[in-house]
Amino acid sequence: MKVIGVTGLQGSGKSIFFDTAKEKGALVVSMGDIIREKAAERGEDTGTTARTLREEFGQYIVAELTVKKIKELLEKEGDIKTILVDGIRSPYEIELFKENFDDFISVSIYASPQTRFKRISLRGREDDTTDFEEFMVRENRELGFGIGDVVSTTDYLIENECSLEEFKARVAEFVEKEMD
């Protein structure tokens, strides 16, 4: 069984990566989903929950809860070949996964800021922006969380400056190779 941590900045292609990997049989565990579950339990919004969890239990609590969830899934299911982790934001989280899973690898999805802004402007998610300055503010906030350090130290980098079809083919090839 292999655990693959996937990271990348907004609009880089992570959702396409996960969708393509799921089609190949990989299971996705989202750190964001864990925060949403805890927020529902506490009756809080996700931002408040993310902050208070870290204040109460330490900076890496979400990664620790994700490790716990993966181990529970493995106990229940047993025959899972590949689990992808969505939401890694710091090098310390990478280290935590490496400490807990011998076959852990990390992959970063890369696309230039211009390409990512264009994609975000077109995709129309509720929290997306069509203002480049606002995009860069969010970008700098993400980089401040340490995601830039994660992106620069991953085991693999998949460039996504290509067509959707070509990117899906790259992802499928990567996932198939890693699932063997």
N, C-alpha and C. Protein backbone atom coordinates (compact mmCIF):
# COMPACT_ATOMS: atom_id res chain seq x y z
N MET A 1 0.84 -1.18 0.00
CA MET A 1 0.00 0.00 0.00
C MET A 1 0.88 1.24 0.00
N LYS A 2 0.48 2.19 -0.83
CA LYS A 2 1.25 3.42 -0.94
C LYS A 2 0.37 4.61 -0.57
N VAL A 3 0.95 5.54 0.18
CA VAL A 3 0.28 6.80 0.49
C VAL A 3 1.01 7.89 -0.27
N ILE A 4 0.24 8.69 -1.01
CA ILE A 4 0.81 9.76 -1.83
C ILE A 4 0.23 11.08 -1.38
N GLY A 5 1.08 11.96 -0.91
CA GLY A 5 0.66 13.31 -0.55
C GLY A 5 0.73 14.20 -1.77
N VAL A 6 -0.36 14.89 -2.05
CA VAL A 6 -0.43 15.74 -3.24
C VAL A 6 -0.59 17.19 -2.80
N THR A 7 0.21 18.06 -3.39
CA THR A 7 0.14 19.47 -3.07
C THR A 7 0.27 20.30 -4.34
N GLY A 8 -0.08 21.54 -4.21
CA GLY A 8 0.01 22.48 -5.32
C GLY A 8 -0.78 23.72 -4.97
N LEU A 9 -0.44 24.80 -5.60
CA LEU A 9 -1.14 26.06 -5.34
C LEU A 9 -2.50 26.08 -6.02
N GLN A 10 -3.33 27.04 -5.67
CA GLN A 10 -4.68 27.18 -6.21
C GLN A 10 -4.65 27.18 -7.74
N GLY A 11 -5.52 26.38 -8.33
CA GLY A 11 -5.64 26.33 -9.78
C GLY A 11 -4.57 25.53 -10.50
N SER A 12 -3.74 24.81 -9.74
CA SER A 12 -2.64 24.06 -10.37
C SER A 12 -3.11 22.79 -11.06
N GLY A 13 -4.25 22.24 -10.64
CA GLY A 13 -4.76 21.02 -11.24
C GLY A 13 -4.94 19.87 -10.27
N LYS A 14 -4.95 20.17 -8.98
CA LYS A 14 -5.08 19.11 -7.98
C LYS A 14 -6.39 18.34 -8.12
N SER A 15 -7.49 19.04 -8.36
CA SER A 15 -8.79 18.36 -8.50
C SER A 15 -8.78 17.40 -9.68
N ILE A 16 -8.20 17.81 -10.78
CA ILE A 16 -8.08 16.94 -11.96
C ILE A 16 -7.20 15.74 -11.61
N PHE A 17 -6.12 15.99 -10.88
CA PHE A 17 -5.24 14.89 -10.44
C PHE A 17 -6.04 13.88 -9.64
N PHE A 18 -6.79 14.35 -8.64
CA PHE A 18 -7.55 13.44 -7.78
C PHE A 18 -8.62 12.69 -8.56
N ASP A 19 -9.35 13.38 -9.42
CA ASP A 19 -10.39 12.72 -10.21
C ASP A 19 -9.81 11.64 -11.10
N THR A 20 -8.69 11.94 -11.74
CA THR A 20 -8.03 10.96 -12.62
C THR A 20 -7.52 9.78 -11.82
N ALA A 21 -6.92 10.04 -10.67
CA ALA A 21 -6.40 8.96 -9.82
C ALA A 21 -7.52 8.08 -9.29
N LYS A 22 -8.66 8.68 -8.94
CA LYS A 22 -9.81 7.89 -8.47
C LYS A 22 -10.29 6.95 -9.56
N GLU A 23 -10.28 7.42 -10.81
CA GLU A 23 -10.68 6.56 -11.93
C GLU A 23 -9.76 5.35 -12.04
N LYS A 24 -8.53 5.47 -11.58
CA LYS A 24 -7.56 4.37 -11.61
C LYS A 24 -7.63 3.51 -10.36
N GLY A 25 -8.54 3.84 -9.43
CA GLY A 25 -8.73 3.01 -8.25
C GLY A 25 -8.12 3.54 -6.97
N ALA A 26 -7.53 4.72 -7.00
CA ALA A 26 -6.96 5.29 -5.78
C ALA A 26 -8.07 5.86 -4.90
N LEU A 27 -7.82 5.86 -3.61
CA LEU A 27 -8.73 6.43 -2.63
C LEU A 27 -8.17 7.78 -2.20
N VAL A 28 -9.02 8.79 -2.04
CA VAL A 28 -8.57 10.12 -1.64
C VAL A 28 -9.05 10.43 -0.22
N VAL A 29 -8.12 10.87 0.62
CA VAL A 29 -8.45 11.34 1.96
C VAL A 29 -8.10 12.83 1.99
N SER A 30 -9.09 13.64 2.30
CA SER A 30 -8.92 15.09 2.28
C SER A 30 -8.75 15.65 3.68
N MET A 31 -7.67 16.38 3.89
CA MET A 31 -7.47 17.03 5.17
C MET A 31 -8.56 18.08 5.40
N GLY A 32 -9.02 18.71 4.34
CA GLY A 32 -10.12 19.67 4.44
C GLY A 32 -11.41 19.02 4.90
N ASP A 33 -11.66 17.78 4.43
CA ASP A 33 -12.86 17.06 4.87
C ASP A 33 -12.81 16.78 6.37
N ILE A 34 -11.61 16.51 6.86
CA ILE A 34 -11.46 16.25 8.30
C ILE A 34 -11.80 17.51 9.09
N ILE A 35 -11.35 18.66 8.61
CA ILE A 35 -11.71 19.92 9.27
C ILE A 35 -13.22 20.14 9.20
N ARG A 36 -13.82 19.86 8.04
CA ARG A 36 -15.27 20.04 7.90
C ARG A 36 -16.04 19.12 8.85
N GLU A 37 -15.58 17.88 9.02
CA GLU A 37 -16.22 16.95 9.96
C GLU A 37 -16.14 17.48 11.39
N LYS A 38 -14.96 17.94 11.77
CA LYS A 38 -14.78 18.47 13.13
C LYS A 38 -15.61 19.74 13.33
N ALA A 39 -15.70 20.57 12.30
CA ALA A 39 -16.51 21.80 12.39
C ALA A 39 -17.98 21.44 12.62
N ALA A 40 -18.46 20.43 11.91
CA ALA A 40 -19.86 20.00 12.08
C ALA A 40 -20.08 19.47 13.50
N GLU A 41 -19.13 18.69 14.01
CA GLU A 41 -19.23 18.16 15.37
C GLU A 41 -19.29 19.29 16.40
N ARG A 42 -18.52 20.34 16.16
CA ARG A 42 -18.40 21.45 17.11
C ARG A 42 -19.44 22.55 16.88
N GLY A 43 -20.13 22.49 15.76
CA GLY A 43 -21.07 23.55 15.42
C GLY A 43 -20.39 24.87 15.08
N GLU A 44 -19.22 24.78 14.46
CA GLU A 44 -18.44 25.97 14.11
C GLU A 44 -18.25 26.03 12.60
N ASP A 45 -17.78 27.19 12.12
CA ASP A 45 -17.38 27.26 10.72
C ASP A 45 -15.98 26.66 10.59
N THR A 46 -15.59 26.32 9.37
CA THR A 46 -14.32 25.61 9.17
C THR A 46 -13.11 26.44 9.57
N GLY A 47 -13.14 27.73 9.31
CA GLY A 47 -12.00 28.59 9.67
C GLY A 47 -11.77 28.61 11.17
N THR A 48 -12.85 28.74 11.93
CA THR A 48 -12.75 28.73 13.39
C THR A 48 -12.24 27.39 13.88
N THR A 49 -12.79 26.32 13.33
CA THR A 49 -12.37 24.98 13.75
C THR A 49 -10.90 24.73 13.44
N ALA A 50 -10.46 25.10 12.25
CA ALA A 50 -9.05 24.90 11.89
C ALA A 50 -8.15 25.63 12.89
N ARG A 51 -8.50 26.85 13.22
CA ARG A 51 -7.70 27.65 14.15
C ARG A 51 -7.74 27.06 15.56
N THR A 52 -8.95 26.75 16.06
CA THR A 52 -9.05 26.28 17.44
C THR A 52 -8.45 24.89 17.62
N LEU A 53 -8.58 24.03 16.62
CA LEU A 53 -7.94 22.71 16.72
C LEU A 53 -6.43 22.87 16.89
N ARG A 54 -5.85 23.77 16.09
CA ARG A 54 -4.40 23.99 16.17
C ARG A 54 -4.01 24.62 17.51
N GLU A 55 -4.84 25.54 18.01
CA GLU A 55 -4.57 26.15 19.32
C GLU A 55 -4.65 25.12 20.43
N GLU A 56 -5.63 24.23 20.36
CA GLU A 56 -5.86 23.24 21.41
C GLU A 56 -4.88 22.07 21.36
N PHE A 57 -4.55 21.61 20.14
CA PHE A 57 -3.81 20.35 20.01
C PHE A 57 -2.48 20.47 19.26
N GLY A 58 -2.13 21.65 18.81
CA GLY A 58 -0.86 21.83 18.11
C GLY A 58 -1.04 22.01 16.62
N GLN A 59 -0.01 22.53 16.03
CA GLN A 59 -0.03 22.94 14.63
C GLN A 59 -0.33 21.80 13.65
N TYR A 60 0.00 20.57 14.01
CA TYR A 60 -0.11 19.46 13.05
C TYR A 60 -1.27 18.52 13.35
N ILE A 61 -2.24 19.00 14.11
CA ILE A 61 -3.37 18.16 14.50
C ILE A 61 -4.13 17.63 13.29
N VAL A 62 -4.31 18.43 12.26
CA VAL A 62 -5.08 17.96 11.11
C VAL A 62 -4.34 16.83 10.40
N ALA A 63 -3.03 16.95 10.28
CA ALA A 63 -2.24 15.87 9.69
C ALA A 63 -2.30 14.62 10.57
N GLU A 64 -2.24 14.81 11.89
CA GLU A 64 -2.33 13.67 12.82
C GLU A 64 -3.68 12.97 12.69
N LEU A 65 -4.75 13.75 12.59
CA LEU A 65 -6.08 13.16 12.41
C LEU A 65 -6.19 12.45 11.06
N THR A 66 -5.50 12.97 10.06
CA THR A 66 -5.51 12.33 8.74
C THR A 66 -4.78 11.00 8.79
N VAL A 67 -3.64 10.96 9.46
CA VAL A 67 -2.90 9.70 9.64
C VAL A 67 -3.80 8.68 10.33
N LYS A 68 -4.48 9.11 11.38
CA LYS A 68 -5.39 8.22 12.11
C LYS A 68 -6.49 7.69 11.20
N LYS A 69 -7.07 8.56 10.39
CA LYS A 69 -8.14 8.15 9.48
C LYS A 69 -7.63 7.13 8.46
N ILE A 70 -6.44 7.36 7.92
CA ILE A 70 -5.87 6.43 6.94
C ILE A 70 -5.65 5.06 7.59
N LYS A 71 -5.11 5.04 8.80
CA LYS A 71 -4.87 3.78 9.49
C LYS A 71 -6.19 3.05 9.77
N GLU A 72 -7.23 3.80 10.12
CA GLU A 72 -8.55 3.18 10.33
C GLU A 72 -9.09 2.60 9.02
N LEU A 73 -8.92 3.32 7.92
CA LEU A 73 -9.36 2.81 6.61
C LEU A 73 -8.63 1.53 6.25
N LEU A 74 -7.34 1.49 6.52
CA LEU A 74 -6.55 0.29 6.21
C LEU A 74 -6.98 -0.90 7.05
N GLU A 75 -7.33 -0.65 8.32
CA GLU A 75 -7.82 -1.73 9.17
C GLU A 75 -9.14 -2.28 8.66
N LYS A 76 -10.04 -1.38 8.24
CA LYS A 76 -11.36 -1.79 7.75
C LYS A 76 -11.29 -2.45 6.39
N GLU A 77 -10.61 -1.79 5.46
CA GLU A 77 -10.61 -2.23 4.06
C GLU A 77 -9.51 -3.25 3.77
N GLY A 78 -8.32 -3.00 4.29
CA GLY A 78 -7.22 -3.94 4.13
C GLY A 78 -6.56 -4.00 2.77
N ASP A 79 -7.33 -4.02 1.70
CA ASP A 79 -6.76 -4.26 0.38
C ASP A 79 -6.62 -2.99 -0.47
N ILE A 80 -6.51 -1.85 0.17
CA ILE A 80 -6.34 -0.59 -0.56
C ILE A 80 -4.91 -0.53 -1.08
N LYS A 81 -4.76 -0.27 -2.39
CA LYS A 81 -3.42 -0.18 -2.99
C LYS A 81 -2.80 1.20 -2.85
N THR A 82 -3.63 2.24 -3.04
CA THR A 82 -3.10 3.60 -3.04
C THR A 82 -4.08 4.56 -2.38
N ILE A 83 -3.55 5.36 -1.45
CA ILE A 83 -4.33 6.42 -0.83
C ILE A 83 -3.64 7.74 -1.13
N LEU A 84 -4.42 8.69 -1.62
CA LEU A 84 -3.91 10.03 -1.88
C LEU A 84 -4.35 10.95 -0.76
N VAL A 85 -3.46 11.82 -0.32
CA VAL A 85 -3.77 12.79 0.72
C VAL A 85 -3.86 14.17 0.09
N ASP A 86 -5.00 14.80 0.26
CA ASP A 86 -5.26 16.14 -0.26
C ASP A 86 -5.17 17.14 0.88
N GLY A 87 -4.38 18.20 0.69
CA GLY A 87 -4.39 19.28 1.67
C GLY A 87 -3.11 19.49 2.44
N ILE A 88 -2.03 18.83 2.07
CA ILE A 88 -0.76 19.02 2.78
C ILE A 88 -0.27 20.44 2.53
N ARG A 89 0.09 21.12 3.63
CA ARG A 89 0.47 22.53 3.53
C ARG A 89 1.84 22.85 4.13
N SER A 90 2.48 21.90 4.81
CA SER A 90 3.77 22.22 5.42
C SER A 90 4.73 21.04 5.32
N PRO A 91 6.04 21.34 5.30
CA PRO A 91 7.04 20.26 5.26
C PRO A 91 6.94 19.34 6.47
N TYR A 92 6.50 19.88 7.60
CA TYR A 92 6.38 19.07 8.81
C TYR A 92 5.27 18.03 8.67
N GLU A 93 4.22 18.40 7.94
CA GLU A 93 3.17 17.42 7.66
C GLU A 93 3.71 16.30 6.79
N ILE A 94 4.54 16.64 5.81
CA ILE A 94 5.18 15.62 4.97
C ILE A 94 5.98 14.66 5.86
N GLU A 95 6.75 15.22 6.79
CA GLU A 95 7.56 14.39 7.69
C GLU A 95 6.69 13.47 8.53
N LEU A 96 5.56 13.97 9.01
CA LEU A 96 4.64 13.16 9.81
C LEU A 96 4.13 11.97 9.00
N PHE A 97 3.77 12.20 7.75
CA PHE A 97 3.30 11.10 6.89
C PHE A 97 4.43 10.11 6.63
N LYS A 98 5.64 10.60 6.40
CA LYS A 98 6.78 9.70 6.16
C LYS A 98 7.07 8.84 7.38
N GLU A 99 6.92 9.42 8.57
CA GLU A 99 7.14 8.67 9.81
C GLU A 99 6.11 7.57 10.00
N ASN A 100 4.92 7.76 9.49
CA ASN A 100 3.83 6.81 9.71
C ASN A 100 3.60 5.82 8.59
N PHE A 101 4.08 6.13 7.39
CA PHE A 101 3.85 5.25 6.23
C PHE A 101 5.16 5.08 5.46
N ASP A 102 5.69 3.84 5.51
CA ASP A 102 6.98 3.56 4.87
C ASP A 102 6.99 3.88 3.38
N ASP A 103 5.88 3.66 2.71
CA ASP A 103 5.81 3.88 1.26
C ASP A 103 5.24 5.24 0.90
N PHE A 104 5.36 6.21 1.79
CA PHE A 104 4.83 7.55 1.50
C PHE A 104 5.72 8.27 0.50
N ILE A 105 5.08 8.88 -0.49
CA ILE A 105 5.78 9.77 -1.41
C ILE A 105 4.94 11.05 -1.55
N SER A 106 5.59 12.10 -2.00
CA SER A 106 4.87 13.36 -2.19
C SER A 106 5.03 13.82 -3.63
N VAL A 107 3.97 14.45 -4.13
CA VAL A 107 3.98 14.96 -5.50
C VAL A 107 3.38 16.36 -5.50
N SER A 108 3.99 17.21 -6.28
CA SER A 108 3.51 18.58 -6.43
C SER A 108 3.01 18.79 -7.84
N ILE A 109 1.89 19.49 -7.95
CA ILE A 109 1.36 19.87 -9.25
C ILE A 109 1.76 21.33 -9.46
N TYR A 110 2.42 21.60 -10.59
CA TYR A 110 2.91 22.95 -10.85
C TYR A 110 2.29 23.54 -12.11
N ALA A 111 1.86 24.78 -11.98
CA ALA A 111 1.48 25.61 -13.13
C ALA A 111 1.84 27.04 -12.76
N SER A 112 2.19 27.84 -13.74
CA SER A 112 2.60 29.23 -13.48
C SER A 112 1.44 30.04 -12.90
N PRO A 113 1.76 31.13 -12.20
CA PRO A 113 0.69 31.98 -11.67
C PRO A 113 -0.27 32.47 -12.75
N GLN A 114 0.24 32.81 -13.91
CA GLN A 114 -0.63 33.30 -14.99
C GLN A 114 -1.60 32.21 -15.45
N THR A 115 -1.10 31.00 -15.61
CA THR A 115 -1.95 29.88 -16.02
C THR A 115 -3.00 29.59 -14.95
N ARG A 116 -2.57 29.57 -13.70
CA ARG A 116 -3.50 29.28 -12.61
C ARG A 116 -4.56 30.36 -12.47
N PHE A 117 -4.18 31.62 -12.60
CA PHE A 117 -5.16 32.71 -12.52
C PHE A 117 -6.19 32.58 -13.63
N LYS A 118 -5.74 32.28 -14.82
CA LYS A 118 -6.66 32.11 -15.95
C LYS A 118 -7.66 30.99 -15.65
N ARG A 119 -7.18 29.86 -15.14
CA ARG A 119 -8.06 28.74 -14.81
C ARG A 119 -9.06 29.12 -13.73
N ILE A 120 -8.57 29.77 -12.69
CA ILE A 120 -9.44 30.16 -11.58
C ILE A 120 -10.51 31.14 -12.05
N SER A 121 -10.11 32.05 -12.92
CA SER A 121 -11.07 33.04 -13.45
C SER A 121 -12.20 32.37 -14.22
N LEU A 122 -11.89 31.24 -14.84
CA LEU A 122 -12.87 30.56 -15.68
C LEU A 122 -13.69 29.49 -14.96
N ARG A 123 -13.16 28.92 -13.87
CA ARG A 123 -13.85 27.76 -13.29
C ARG A 123 -15.08 28.12 -12.47
N GLY A 124 -15.14 29.31 -11.90
CA GLY A 124 -16.36 29.78 -11.28
C GLY A 124 -16.73 29.19 -9.93
N ARG A 125 -15.75 28.75 -9.14
CA ARG A 125 -16.06 28.32 -7.78
C ARG A 125 -16.43 29.54 -6.93
N GLU A 126 -17.20 29.29 -5.89
CA GLU A 126 -17.71 30.37 -5.05
C GLU A 126 -16.61 31.27 -4.49
N ASP A 127 -15.49 30.69 -4.06
CA ASP A 127 -14.43 31.49 -3.43
C ASP A 127 -13.34 31.91 -4.41
N ASP A 128 -13.52 31.69 -5.70
CA ASP A 128 -12.54 32.10 -6.71
C ASP A 128 -12.68 33.59 -7.01
N THR A 129 -11.61 34.16 -7.53
CA THR A 129 -11.61 35.57 -7.87
C THR A 129 -11.28 35.77 -9.34
N THR A 130 -11.74 36.87 -9.87
CA THR A 130 -11.37 37.25 -11.24
C THR A 130 -10.47 38.48 -11.22
N ASP A 131 -10.01 38.85 -10.03
CA ASP A 131 -9.12 39.99 -9.85
C ASP A 131 -7.71 39.47 -9.55
N PHE A 132 -6.74 39.83 -10.40
CA PHE A 132 -5.39 39.30 -10.26
C PHE A 132 -4.75 39.71 -8.93
N GLU A 133 -4.97 40.94 -8.49
CA GLU A 133 -4.39 41.38 -7.21
C GLU A 133 -4.93 40.55 -6.05
N GLU A 134 -6.22 40.29 -6.06
CA GLU A 134 -6.84 39.45 -5.02
C GLU A 134 -6.28 38.03 -5.09
N PHE A 135 -6.10 37.52 -6.30
CA PHE A 135 -5.49 36.21 -6.51
C PHE A 135 -4.10 36.17 -5.86
N MET A 136 -3.31 37.21 -6.07
CA MET A 136 -1.95 37.24 -5.53
C MET A 136 -1.95 37.37 -4.01
N VAL A 137 -2.94 38.06 -3.44
CA VAL A 137 -3.05 38.13 -1.98
C VAL A 137 -3.27 36.72 -1.42
N ARG A 138 -4.18 35.98 -2.03
CA ARG A 138 -4.44 34.60 -1.58
C ARG A 138 -3.21 33.73 -1.80
N GLU A 139 -2.55 33.94 -2.93
CA GLU A 139 -1.32 33.20 -3.25
C GLU A 139 -0.27 33.41 -2.16
N ASN A 140 -0.05 34.66 -1.79
CA ASN A 140 0.95 34.97 -0.77
C ASN A 140 0.55 34.41 0.59
N ARG A 141 -0.75 34.38 0.89
CA ARG A 141 -1.22 33.79 2.14
C ARG A 141 -0.89 32.29 2.15
N GLU A 142 -1.19 31.60 1.05
CA GLU A 142 -0.88 30.17 0.95
C GLU A 142 0.62 29.93 1.11
N LEU A 143 1.42 30.77 0.45
CA LEU A 143 2.87 30.62 0.56
C LEU A 143 3.32 30.87 1.99
N GLY A 144 2.65 31.77 2.69
CA GLY A 144 2.96 32.04 4.09
C GLY A 144 2.68 30.86 5.00
N PHE A 145 1.72 30.01 4.62
CA PHE A 145 1.42 28.81 5.40
C PHE A 145 2.51 27.75 5.23
N GLY A 146 3.40 27.93 4.26
CA GLY A 146 4.48 26.98 4.05
C GLY A 146 4.30 26.08 2.85
N ILE A 147 3.25 26.30 2.08
CA ILE A 147 3.02 25.41 0.94
C ILE A 147 4.13 25.52 -0.10
N GLY A 148 4.76 26.69 -0.21
CA GLY A 148 5.87 26.84 -1.15
C GLY A 148 7.02 25.92 -0.78
N ASP A 149 7.29 25.77 0.53
CA ASP A 149 8.34 24.87 0.99
C ASP A 149 7.99 23.42 0.67
N VAL A 150 6.71 23.08 0.78
CA VAL A 150 6.28 21.72 0.45
C VAL A 150 6.46 21.47 -1.04
N VAL A 151 5.99 22.40 -1.85
CA VAL A 151 6.08 22.25 -3.31
C VAL A 151 7.53 22.06 -3.74
N SER A 152 8.44 22.80 -3.11
CA SER A 152 9.85 22.74 -3.52
C SER A 152 10.58 21.50 -3.04
N THR A 153 9.99 20.74 -2.11
CA THR A 153 10.69 19.57 -1.56
C THR A 153 10.00 18.24 -1.83
N THR A 154 8.97 18.23 -2.68
CA THR A 154 8.28 16.97 -2.95
C THR A 154 9.17 16.01 -3.72
N ASP A 155 8.81 14.74 -3.66
CA ASP A 155 9.57 13.70 -4.36
C ASP A 155 9.40 13.81 -5.87
N TYR A 156 8.21 14.23 -6.30
CA TYR A 156 7.91 14.32 -7.74
C TYR A 156 7.23 15.65 -8.03
N LEU A 157 7.42 16.12 -9.25
CA LEU A 157 6.76 17.32 -9.73
C LEU A 157 6.09 16.99 -11.06
N ILE A 158 4.81 17.29 -11.16
CA ILE A 158 4.11 17.11 -12.43
C ILE A 158 3.71 18.49 -12.92
N GLU A 159 4.25 18.85 -14.07
CA GLU A 159 3.96 20.16 -14.65
C GLU A 159 2.61 20.13 -15.34
N ASN A 160 1.85 21.20 -15.15
CA ASN A 160 0.53 21.30 -15.76
C ASN A 160 0.39 22.61 -16.53
N GLU A 161 1.21 22.76 -17.54
CA GLU A 161 1.14 23.91 -18.45
C GLU A 161 0.66 23.42 -19.81
N CYS A 162 -0.13 22.36 -19.81
CA CYS A 162 -0.51 21.69 -21.05
C CYS A 162 -2.03 21.61 -21.15
N SER A 163 -2.49 20.91 -22.17
CA SER A 163 -3.94 20.73 -22.33
C SER A 163 -4.47 19.81 -21.22
N LEU A 164 -5.77 19.87 -21.01
CA LEU A 164 -6.41 19.01 -20.01
C LEU A 164 -6.16 17.54 -20.32
N GLU A 165 -6.29 17.16 -21.58
CA GLU A 165 -6.10 15.76 -21.99
C GLU A 165 -4.67 15.31 -21.72
N GLU A 166 -3.70 16.17 -22.03
CA GLU A 166 -2.30 15.81 -21.80
C GLU A 166 -2.01 15.68 -20.31
N PHE A 167 -2.56 16.59 -19.50
CA PHE A 167 -2.35 16.51 -18.06
C PHE A 167 -2.96 15.24 -17.49
N LYS A 168 -4.19 14.91 -17.90
CA LYS A 168 -4.82 13.67 -17.44
C LYS A 168 -3.97 12.46 -17.80
N ALA A 169 -3.39 12.47 -18.99
CA ALA A 169 -2.53 11.36 -19.42
C ALA A 169 -1.29 11.27 -18.53
N ARG A 170 -0.70 12.41 -18.20
CA ARG A 170 0.48 12.44 -17.32
C ARG A 170 0.12 11.88 -15.94
N VAL A 171 -1.02 12.31 -15.42
CA VAL A 171 -1.46 11.84 -14.11
C VAL A 171 -1.73 10.34 -14.14
N ALA A 172 -2.44 9.88 -15.15
CA ALA A 172 -2.75 8.45 -15.27
C ALA A 172 -1.47 7.62 -15.31
N GLU A 173 -0.50 8.08 -16.09
CA GLU A 173 0.78 7.36 -16.19
C GLU A 173 1.48 7.34 -14.83
N PHE A 174 1.51 8.46 -14.14
CA PHE A 174 2.14 8.54 -12.82
C PHE A 174 1.45 7.60 -11.83
N VAL A 175 0.13 7.68 -11.76
CA VAL A 175 -0.62 6.88 -10.79
C VAL A 175 -0.47 5.39 -11.09
N GLU A 176 -0.56 5.00 -12.35
CA GLU A 176 -0.40 3.58 -12.71
C GLU A 176 0.97 3.07 -12.30
N LYS A 177 2.00 3.88 -12.54
CA LYS A 177 3.37 3.49 -12.17
C LYS A 177 3.48 3.33 -10.65
N GLU A 178 2.89 4.25 -9.91
CA GLU A 178 3.00 4.21 -8.45
C GLU A 178 2.12 3.13 -7.82
N MET A 179 1.07 2.70 -8.51
CA MET A 179 0.19 1.67 -7.96
C MET A 179 0.74 0.26 -8.19
N ASP A 180 1.72 0.12 -9.05
CA ASP A 180 2.29 -1.22 -9.32
C ASP A 180 3.08 -1.74 -8.16
